Amino acid sequence: QTPWSMDENLMHISYEAGILENPKPRAGGVSSLC
């Protein structure tokens, strides 16, 4: 359900890879990824 890579530290979290490699789907807002 969450097929992506996460790198977390005190400063930030970054999400990459998996289904995020398709730049079209929204990752925030009201989409299913939100």
Full PDB file with SEQRES, HELIX, SHEET, SSBOND, CRYST1, ORIGX, SCALE, CONECT and MASTER records, all heavy atoms in Angstrom:
SEQRES   1 A   34  GLN THR PRO TRP SER MET ASP GLU ASN LEU MET HIS ILE          
SEQRES   2 A   34  SER TYR GLU ALA GLY ILE LEU GLU ASN PRO LYS PRO ARG          
SEQRES   3 A   34  ALA GLY GLY VAL SER SER LEU CYS                              
HELIX    1 AA1 GLY A   18  GLU A   21  5                                   4    
SHEET    1 AA1 2 SER A   5  GLU A   8  0                                        
SHEET    2 AA1 2 ILE A  13  GLU A  16 -1                                        
CRYST1    1.000    1.000    1.000  90.00  90.00  90.00 P 1           1          
ORIGX1      1.000000  0.000000  0.000000        0.00000                         
ORIGX2      0.000000  1.000000  0.000000        0.00000                         
ORIGX3      0.000000  0.000000  1.000000        0.00000                         
SCALE1      1.000000  0.000000  0.000000        0.00000                         
SCALE2      0.000000  1.000000  0.000000        0.00000                         
SCALE3      0.000000  0.000000  1.000000        0.00000                         
ATOM      1  N   GLN A   1       0.814  -1.216   0.000  1.00  0.00           N  
ATOM      2  CA  GLN A   1       0.000   0.000   0.000  1.00  0.00           C  
ATOM      3  C   GLN A   1       0.853   1.273   0.000  1.00  0.00           C  
ATOM      4  O   GLN A   1       0.387   2.341  -0.376  1.00  0.00           O  
ATOM      5  CB  GLN A   1      -0.915   0.019   1.233  1.00  0.00           C  
ATOM      6  CG  GLN A   1      -2.037  -1.014   1.206  1.00  0.00           C  
ATOM      7  CD  GLN A   1      -1.514  -2.426   1.456  1.00  0.00           C  
ATOM      8  OE1 GLN A   1      -0.613  -2.630   2.277  1.00  0.00           O  
ATOM      9  NE2 GLN A   1      -2.073  -3.395   0.736  1.00  0.00           N  
ATOM     10  N   THR A   2       2.098   1.166   0.451  1.00  0.00           N  
ATOM     11  CA  THR A   2       3.005   2.327   0.468  1.00  0.00           C  
ATOM     12  C   THR A   2       4.328   1.936  -0.190  1.00  0.00           C  
ATOM     13  O   THR A   2       5.373   1.859   0.463  1.00  0.00           O  
ATOM     14  CB  THR A   2       3.265   2.800   1.909  1.00  0.00           C  
ATOM     15  OG1 THR A   2       3.831   1.712   2.665  1.00  0.00           O  
ATOM     16  CG2 THR A   2       1.967   3.246   2.561  1.00  0.00           C  
ATOM     17  N   PRO A   3       4.300   1.700  -1.496  1.00  0.00           N  
ATOM     18  CA  PRO A   3       5.491   1.199  -2.197  1.00  0.00           C  
ATOM     19  C   PRO A   3       6.444   2.295  -2.650  1.00  0.00           C  
ATOM     20  O   PRO A   3       6.530   2.622  -3.832  1.00  0.00           O  
ATOM     21  CB  PRO A   3       4.881   0.466  -3.393  1.00  0.00           C  
ATOM     22  CG  PRO A   3       3.650   1.260  -3.705  1.00  0.00           C  
ATOM     23  CD  PRO A   3       3.129   1.760  -2.382  1.00  0.00           C  
ATOM     24  N   TRP A   4       7.141   2.879  -1.697  1.00  0.00           N  
ATOM     25  CA  TRP A   4       8.133   3.889  -2.032  1.00  0.00           C  
ATOM     26  C   TRP A   4       9.230   3.891  -0.983  1.00  0.00           C  
ATOM     27  O   TRP A   4       9.089   3.312   0.091  1.00  0.00           O  
ATOM     28  CB  TRP A   4       7.505   5.277  -2.134  1.00  0.00           C  
ATOM     29  CG  TRP A   4       6.565   5.603  -1.016  1.00  0.00           C  
ATOM     30  CD1 TRP A   4       6.875   5.786   0.296  1.00  0.00           C  
ATOM     31  CD2 TRP A   4       5.147   5.748  -1.109  1.00  0.00           C  
ATOM     32  NE1 TRP A   4       5.756   6.051   1.038  1.00  0.00           N  
ATOM     33  CE2 TRP A   4       4.667   6.036   0.195  1.00  0.00           C  
ATOM     34  CE3 TRP A   4       4.239   5.682  -2.158  1.00  0.00           C  
ATOM     35  CZ2 TRP A   4       3.328   6.243   0.470  1.00  0.00           C  
ATOM     36  CZ3 TRP A   4       2.900   5.902  -1.881  1.00  0.00           C  
ATOM     37  CH2 TRP A   4       2.458   6.170  -0.588  1.00  0.00           C  
ATOM     38  N   SER A   5      10.316   4.586  -1.296  1.00  0.00           N  
ATOM     39  CA  SER A   5      11.453   4.681  -0.380  1.00  0.00           C  
ATOM     40  C   SER A   5      11.300   5.921   0.492  1.00  0.00           C  
ATOM     41  O   SER A   5      10.903   6.976   0.016  1.00  0.00           O  
ATOM     42  CB  SER A   5      12.758   4.770  -1.186  1.00  0.00           C  
ATOM     43  OG  SER A   5      13.842   5.109  -0.347  1.00  0.00           O  
ATOM     44  N   MET A   6      11.628   5.794   1.786  1.00  0.00           N  
ATOM     45  CA  MET A   6      11.559   6.932   2.701  1.00  0.00           C  
ATOM     46  C   MET A   6      12.909   7.114   3.384  1.00  0.00           C  
ATOM     47  O   MET A   6      13.487   6.157   3.896  1.00  0.00           O  
ATOM     48  CB  MET A   6      10.485   6.714   3.776  1.00  0.00           C  
ATOM     49  CG  MET A   6       9.070   6.792   3.265  1.00  0.00           C  
ATOM     50  SD  MET A   6       7.858   6.799   4.634  1.00  0.00           S  
ATOM     51  CE  MET A   6       8.119   5.179   5.338  1.00  0.00           C  
ATOM     52  N   ASP A   7      13.403   8.341   3.365  1.00  0.00           N  
ATOM     53  CA  ASP A   7      14.621   8.704   4.099  1.00  0.00           C  
ATOM     54  C   ASP A   7      14.231   9.755   5.119  1.00  0.00           C  
ATOM     55  O   ASP A   7      13.820  10.860   4.761  1.00  0.00           O  
ATOM     56  CB  ASP A   7      15.693   9.260   3.143  1.00  0.00           C  
ATOM     57  CG  ASP A   7      16.189   8.193   2.178  1.00  0.00           C  
ATOM     58  OD1 ASP A   7      16.385   7.056   2.630  1.00  0.00           O  
ATOM     59  OD2 ASP A   7      16.365   8.507   0.991  1.00  0.00           O  
ATOM     60  N   GLU A   8      14.358   9.407   6.394  1.00  0.00           N  
ATOM     61  CA  GLU A   8      13.915  10.312   7.453  1.00  0.00           C  
ATOM     62  C   GLU A   8      15.056  10.695   8.380  1.00  0.00           C  
ATOM     63  O   GLU A   8      15.870   9.858   8.771  1.00  0.00           O  
ATOM     64  CB  GLU A   8      12.802   9.643   8.279  1.00  0.00           C  
ATOM     65  CG  GLU A   8      12.317  10.492   9.451  1.00  0.00           C  
ATOM     66  CD  GLU A   8      11.239   9.798  10.260  1.00  0.00           C  
ATOM     67  OE1 GLU A   8      10.766   8.720   9.841  1.00  0.00           O  
ATOM     68  OE2 GLU A   8      10.867  10.334  11.333  1.00  0.00           O  
ATOM     69  N   ASN A   9      15.130  11.989   8.711  1.00  0.00           N  
ATOM     70  CA  ASN A   9      16.018  12.466   9.763  1.00  0.00           C  
ATOM     71  C   ASN A   9      15.338  13.647  10.450  1.00  0.00           C  
ATOM     72  O   ASN A   9      14.177  13.940  10.180  1.00  0.00           O  
ATOM     73  CB  ASN A   9      17.404  12.847   9.204  1.00  0.00           C  
ATOM     74  CG  ASN A   9      17.311  13.885   8.092  1.00  0.00           C  
ATOM     75  OD1 ASN A   9      16.503  14.806   8.159  1.00  0.00           O  
ATOM     76  ND2 ASN A   9      18.140  13.727   7.073  1.00  0.00           N  
ATOM     77  N   LEU A  10      16.057  14.315  11.325  1.00  0.00           N  
ATOM     78  CA  LEU A  10      15.452  15.418  12.064  1.00  0.00           C  
ATOM     79  C   LEU A  10      14.986  16.535  11.149  1.00  0.00           C  
ATOM     80  O   LEU A  10      13.948  17.163  11.383  1.00  0.00           O  
ATOM     81  CB  LEU A  10      16.473  15.972  13.075  1.00  0.00           C  
ATOM     82  CG  LEU A  10      16.011  17.181  13.899  1.00  0.00           C  
ATOM     83  CD1 LEU A  10      14.863  16.778  14.821  1.00  0.00           C  
ATOM     84  CD2 LEU A  10      17.176  17.718  14.730  1.00  0.00           C  
ATOM     85  N   MET A  11      15.728  16.796  10.084  1.00  0.00           N  
ATOM     86  CA  MET A  11      15.433  17.915   9.200  1.00  0.00           C  
ATOM     87  C   MET A  11      14.220  17.669   8.317  1.00  0.00           C  
ATOM     88  O   MET A  11      13.389  18.555   8.129  1.00  0.00           O  
ATOM     89  CB  MET A  11      16.650  18.212   8.319  1.00  0.00           C  
ATOM     90  CG  MET A  11      16.426  19.313   7.285  1.00  0.00           C  
ATOM     91  SD  MET A  11      16.126  20.931   8.017  1.00  0.00           S  
ATOM     92  CE  MET A  11      17.758  21.342   8.608  1.00  0.00           C  
ATOM     93  N   HIS A  12      14.089  16.453   7.800  1.00  0.00           N  
ATOM     94  CA  HIS A  12      13.029  16.243   6.821  1.00  0.00           C  
ATOM     95  C   HIS A  12      12.765  14.761   6.597  1.00  0.00           C  
ATOM     96  O   HIS A  12      13.479  13.897   7.094  1.00  0.00           O  
ATOM     97  CB  HIS A  12      13.405  16.894   5.491  1.00  0.00           C  
ATOM     98  CG  HIS A  12      14.258  16.028   4.620  1.00  0.00           C  
ATOM     99  ND1 HIS A  12      15.470  15.524   5.039  1.00  0.00           N  
ATOM    100  CD2 HIS A  12      14.064  15.544   3.358  1.00  0.00           C  
ATOM    101  CE1 HIS A  12      15.995  14.792   4.066  1.00  0.00           C  
ATOM    102  NE2 HIS A  12      15.167  14.782   3.048  1.00  0.00           N  
ATOM    103  N   ILE A  13      11.722  14.490   5.834  1.00  0.00           N  
ATOM    104  CA  ILE A  13      11.465  13.160   5.286  1.00  0.00           C  
ATOM    105  C   ILE A  13      11.360  13.323   3.780  1.00  0.00           C  
ATOM    106  O   ILE A  13      10.697  14.240   3.293  1.00  0.00           O  
ATOM    107  CB  ILE A  13      10.147  12.550   5.807  1.00  0.00           C  
ATOM    108  CG1 ILE A  13      10.177  12.381   7.332  1.00  0.00           C  
ATOM    109  CG2 ILE A  13       9.900  11.191   5.164  1.00  0.00           C  
ATOM    110  CD1 ILE A  13       8.884  11.818   7.900  1.00  0.00           C  
ATOM    111  N   SER A  14      12.010  12.425   3.028  1.00  0.00           N  
ATOM    112  CA  SER A  14      11.862  12.439   1.577  1.00  0.00           C  
ATOM    113  C   SER A  14      11.287  11.100   1.130  1.00  0.00           C  
ATOM    114  O   SER A  14      11.596  10.049   1.692  1.00  0.00           O  
ATOM    115  CB  SER A  14      13.216  12.688   0.894  1.00  0.00           C  
ATOM    116  OG  SER A  14      14.109  11.615   1.154  1.00  0.00           O  
ATOM    117  N   TYR A  15      10.421  11.166   0.123  1.00  0.00           N  
ATOM    118  CA  TYR A  15       9.789   9.971  -0.425  1.00  0.00           C  
ATOM    119  C   TYR A  15      10.158   9.892  -1.907  1.00  0.00           C  
ATOM    120  O   TYR A  15       9.954  10.852  -2.659  1.00  0.00           O  
ATOM    121  CB  TYR A  15       8.269  10.049  -0.303  1.00  0.00           C  
ATOM    122  CG  TYR A  15       7.760  10.292   1.106  1.00  0.00           C  
ATOM    123  CD1 TYR A  15       7.654  11.589   1.606  1.00  0.00           C  
ATOM    124  CD2 TYR A  15       7.353   9.240   1.910  1.00  0.00           C  
ATOM    125  CE1 TYR A  15       7.161  11.820   2.884  1.00  0.00           C  
ATOM    126  CE2 TYR A  15       6.862   9.461   3.191  1.00  0.00           C  
ATOM    127  CZ  TYR A  15       6.766  10.758   3.673  1.00  0.00           C  
ATOM    128  OH  TYR A  15       6.280  10.984   4.930  1.00  0.00           O  
ATOM    129  N   GLU A  16      10.648   8.749  -2.334  1.00  0.00           N  
ATOM    130  CA  GLU A  16      11.018   8.565  -3.737  1.00  0.00           C  
ATOM    131  C   GLU A  16      10.770   7.116  -4.141  1.00  0.00           C  
ATOM    132  O   GLU A  16      10.522   6.253  -3.306  1.00  0.00           O  
ATOM    133  CB  GLU A  16      12.498   8.915  -3.971  1.00  0.00           C  
ATOM    134  CG  GLU A  16      12.848  10.370  -3.784  1.00  0.00           C  
ATOM    135  CD  GLU A  16      14.315  10.644  -4.073  1.00  0.00           C  
ATOM    136  OE1 GLU A  16      15.158   9.877  -3.600  1.00  0.00           O  
ATOM    137  OE2 GLU A  16      14.589  11.630  -4.767  1.00  0.00           O  
ATOM    138  N   ALA A  17      10.899   6.874  -5.444  1.00  0.00           N  
ATOM    139  CA  ALA A  17      10.839   5.529  -6.020  1.00  0.00           C  
ATOM    140  C   ALA A  17       9.422   4.959  -5.987  1.00  0.00           C  
ATOM    141  O   ALA A  17       8.461   5.620  -5.601  1.00  0.00           O  
ATOM    142  CB  ALA A  17      11.828   4.595  -5.331  1.00  0.00           C  
ATOM    143  N   GLY A  18       9.298   3.700  -6.388  1.00  0.00           N  
ATOM    144  CA  GLY A  18       7.998   3.051  -6.431  1.00  0.00           C  
ATOM    145  C   GLY A  18       7.035   3.767  -7.351  1.00  0.00           C  
ATOM    146  O   GLY A  18       7.407   4.248  -8.423  1.00  0.00           O  
ATOM    147  N   ILE A  19       5.783   3.875  -6.923  1.00  0.00           N  
ATOM    148  CA  ILE A  19       4.776   4.516  -7.774  1.00  0.00           C  
ATOM    149  C   ILE A  19       5.003   6.006  -7.923  1.00  0.00           C  
ATOM    150  O   ILE A  19       4.407   6.646  -8.791  1.00  0.00           O  
ATOM    151  CB  ILE A  19       3.360   4.261  -7.221  1.00  0.00           C  
ATOM    152  CG1 ILE A  19       3.209   4.867  -5.822  1.00  0.00           C  
ATOM    153  CG2 ILE A  19       3.027   2.786  -7.195  1.00  0.00           C  
ATOM    154  CD1 ILE A  19       1.797   4.771  -5.285  1.00  0.00           C  
ATOM    155  N   LEU A  20       5.888   6.590  -7.083  1.00  0.00           N  
ATOM    156  CA  LEU A  20       6.191   8.017  -7.206  1.00  0.00           C  
ATOM    157  C   LEU A  20       7.034   8.313  -8.436  1.00  0.00           C  
ATOM    158  O   LEU A  20       7.218   9.472  -8.798  1.00  0.00           O  
ATOM    159  CB  LEU A  20       6.907   8.523  -5.955  1.00  0.00           C  
ATOM    160  CG  LEU A  20       6.103   8.466  -4.657  1.00  0.00           C  
ATOM    161  CD1 LEU A  20       6.947   8.983  -3.496  1.00  0.00           C  
ATOM    162  CD2 LEU A  20       4.830   9.275  -4.787  1.00  0.00           C  
ATOM    163  N   GLU A  21       7.581   7.274  -9.068  1.00  0.00           N  
ATOM    164  CA  GLU A  21       8.377   7.501 -10.275  1.00  0.00           C  
ATOM    165  C   GLU A  21       7.510   7.974 -11.434  1.00  0.00           C  
ATOM    166  O   GLU A  21       8.018   8.472 -12.428  1.00  0.00           O  
ATOM    167  CB  GLU A  21       9.132   6.226 -10.627  1.00  0.00           C  
ATOM    168  CG  GLU A  21      10.238   5.912  -9.623  1.00  0.00           C  
ATOM    169  CD  GLU A  21      10.990   4.634  -9.940  1.00  0.00           C  
ATOM    170  OE1 GLU A  21      10.566   3.915 -10.878  1.00  0.00           O  
ATOM    171  OE2 GLU A  21      11.981   4.350  -9.245  1.00  0.00           O  
ATOM    172  N   ASN A  22       6.203   7.809 -11.309  1.00  0.00           N  
ATOM    173  CA  ASN A  22       5.274   8.403 -12.269  1.00  0.00           C  
ATOM    174  C   ASN A  22       4.938   9.789 -11.750  1.00  0.00           C  
ATOM    175  O   ASN A  22       4.300   9.931 -10.703  1.00  0.00           O  
ATOM    176  CB  ASN A  22       4.001   7.553 -12.364  1.00  0.00           C  
ATOM    177  CG  ASN A  22       2.996   8.133 -13.362  1.00  0.00           C  
ATOM    178  OD1 ASN A  22       3.141   9.252 -13.840  1.00  0.00           O  
ATOM    179  ND2 ASN A  22       1.969   7.359 -13.664  1.00  0.00           N  
ATOM    180  N   PRO A  23       5.378  10.860 -12.429  1.00  0.00           N  
ATOM    181  CA  PRO A  23       5.204  12.215 -11.891  1.00  0.00           C  
ATOM    182  C   PRO A  23       3.790  12.755 -11.965  1.00  0.00           C  
ATOM    183  O   PRO A  23       3.518  13.841 -11.449  1.00  0.00           O  
ATOM    184  CB  PRO A  23       6.136  13.052 -12.770  1.00  0.00           C  
ATOM    185  CG  PRO A  23       6.162  12.324 -14.068  1.00  0.00           C  
ATOM    186  CD  PRO A  23       6.093  10.859 -13.708  1.00  0.00           C  
ATOM    187  N   LYS A  24       2.849  12.007 -12.565  1.00  0.00           N  
ATOM    188  CA  LYS A  24       1.506  12.546 -12.756  1.00  0.00           C  
ATOM    189  C   LYS A  24       0.627  12.478 -11.517  1.00  0.00           C  
ATOM    190  O   LYS A  24      -0.022  13.467 -11.162  1.00  0.00           O  
ATOM    191  CB  LYS A  24       0.817  11.831 -13.908  1.00  0.00           C  
ATOM    192  CG  LYS A  24      -0.543  12.421 -14.256  1.00  0.00           C  
ATOM    193  CD  LYS A  24      -1.145  11.746 -15.471  1.00  0.00           C  
ATOM    194  CE  LYS A  24      -2.496  12.352 -15.813  1.00  0.00           C  
ATOM    195  NZ  LYS A  24      -3.107  11.724 -17.012  1.00  0.00           N  
ATOM    196  N   PRO A  25       0.555  11.324 -10.799  1.00  0.00           N  
ATOM    197  CA  PRO A  25      -0.346  11.260  -9.633  1.00  0.00           C  
ATOM    198  C   PRO A  25       0.044  12.241  -8.553  1.00  0.00           C  
ATOM    199  O   PRO A  25       1.223  12.430  -8.258  1.00  0.00           O  
ATOM    200  CB  PRO A  25      -0.167   9.812  -9.138  1.00  0.00           C  
ATOM    201  CG  PRO A  25       0.356   9.065 -10.307  1.00  0.00           C  
ATOM    202  CD  PRO A  25       1.215  10.045 -11.046  1.00  0.00           C  
ATOM    203  N   ARG A  26      -0.941  12.879  -7.944  1.00  0.00           N  
ATOM    204  CA  ARG A  26      -0.675  13.820  -6.861  1.00  0.00           C  
ATOM    205  C   ARG A  26      -0.360  13.066  -5.586  1.00  0.00           C  
ATOM    206  O   ARG A  26      -0.980  12.067  -5.256  1.00  0.00           O  
ATOM    207  CB  ARG A  26      -1.885  14.733  -6.633  1.00  0.00           C  
ATOM    208  CG  ARG A  26      -2.166  15.677  -7.776  1.00  0.00           C  
ATOM    209  CD  ARG A  26      -3.431  16.465  -7.508  1.00  0.00           C  
ATOM    210  NE  ARG A  26      -3.329  17.227  -6.281  1.00  0.00           N  
ATOM    211  CZ  ARG A  26      -4.382  17.780  -5.684  1.00  0.00           C  
ATOM    212  NH1 ARG A  26      -5.595  17.605  -6.181  1.00  0.00           N  
ATOM    213  NH2 ARG A  26      -4.232  18.487  -4.576  1.00  0.00           N  
ATOM    214  N   ALA A  27       0.614  13.580  -4.837  1.00  0.00           N  
ATOM    215  CA  ALA A  27       0.992  12.946  -3.582  1.00  0.00           C  
ATOM    216  C   ALA A  27       0.364  13.636  -2.387  1.00  0.00           C  
ATOM    217  O   ALA A  27       0.438  13.151  -1.280  1.00  0.00           O  
ATOM    218  CB  ALA A  27       2.517  12.955  -3.434  1.00  0.00           C  
ATOM    219  N   GLY A  28      -0.240  14.790  -2.591  1.00  0.00           N  
ATOM    220  CA  GLY A  28      -0.875  15.516  -1.497  1.00  0.00           C  
ATOM    221  C   GLY A  28      -2.277  15.911  -1.890  1.00  0.00           C  
ATOM    222  O   GLY A  28      -2.812  15.436  -2.890  1.00  0.00           O  
ATOM    223  N   GLY A  29      -2.869  16.798  -1.133  1.00  0.00           N  
ATOM    224  CA  GLY A  29      -4.203  17.245  -1.464  1.00  0.00           C  
ATOM    225  C   GLY A  29      -5.248  16.186  -1.174  1.00  0.00           C  
ATOM    226  O   GLY A  29      -5.187  15.485  -0.177  1.00  0.00           O  
ATOM    227  N   VAL A  30      -6.200  16.016  -2.091  1.00  0.00           N  
ATOM    228  CA  VAL A  30      -7.319  15.122  -1.826  1.00  0.00           C  
ATOM    229  C   VAL A  30      -7.185  13.802  -2.552  1.00  0.00           C  
ATOM    230  O   VAL A  30      -8.114  13.010  -2.591  1.00  0.00           O  
ATOM    231  CB  VAL A  30      -8.646  15.799  -2.258  1.00  0.00           C  
ATOM    232  CG1 VAL A  30      -8.906  17.021  -1.428  1.00  0.00           C  
ATOM    233  CG2 VAL A  30      -8.611  16.170  -3.745  1.00  0.00           C  
ATOM    234  N   SER A  31      -6.023  13.521  -3.159  1.00  0.00           N  
ATOM    235  CA  SER A  31      -5.853  12.273  -3.883  1.00  0.00           C  
ATOM    236  C   SER A  31      -5.706  11.110  -2.924  1.00  0.00           C  
ATOM    237  O   SER A  31      -5.571  11.265  -1.716  1.00  0.00           O  
ATOM    238  CB  SER A  31      -4.615  12.350  -4.788  1.00  0.00           C  
ATOM    239  OG  SER A  31      -3.448  12.255  -4.009  1.00  0.00           O  
ATOM    240  N   SER A  32      -5.691   9.907  -3.470  1.00  0.00           N  
ATOM    241  CA  SER A  32      -5.578   8.707  -2.638  1.00  0.00           C  
ATOM    242  C   SER A  32      -4.238   8.631  -1.933  1.00  0.00           C  
ATOM    243  O   SER A  32      -4.116   7.993  -0.893  1.00  0.00           O  
ATOM    244  CB  SER A  32      -5.762   7.462  -3.515  1.00  0.00           C  
ATOM    245  OG  SER A  32      -4.766   7.408  -4.525  1.00  0.00           O  
ATOM    246  N   LEU A  33      -3.219   9.299  -2.489  1.00  0.00           N  
ATOM    247  CA  LEU A  33      -1.900   9.247  -1.858  1.00  0.00           C  
ATOM    248  C   LEU A  33      -1.837  10.123  -0.618  1.00  0.00           C  
ATOM    249  O   LEU A  33      -0.948   9.956   0.215  1.00  0.00           O  
ATOM    250  CB  LEU A  33      -0.817   9.706  -2.849  1.00  0.00           C  
ATOM    251  CG  LEU A  33      -0.541   8.791  -4.039  1.00  0.00           C  
ATOM    252  CD1 LEU A  33       0.555   9.386  -4.893  1.00  0.00           C  
ATOM    253  CD2 LEU A  33      -0.168   7.406  -3.583  1.00  0.00           C  
ATOM    254  N   CYS A  34      -2.771  11.071  -0.494  1.00  0.00           N  
ATOM    255  CA  CYS A  34      -2.718  12.015   0.619  1.00  0.00           C  
ATOM    256  C   CYS A  34      -2.721  11.300   1.962  1.00  0.00           C  
ATOM    257  O   CYS A  34      -1.987  11.676   2.875  1.00  0.00           O  
ATOM    258  CB  CYS A  34      -3.898  12.981   0.547  1.00  0.00           C  
ATOM    259  SG  CYS A  34      -3.963  14.164   1.914  1.00  0.00           S  
TER     260      CYS A  34                                                      
MASTER        0    0    0    1    2    0    0    6  259    1    0    3          
END                                                                             
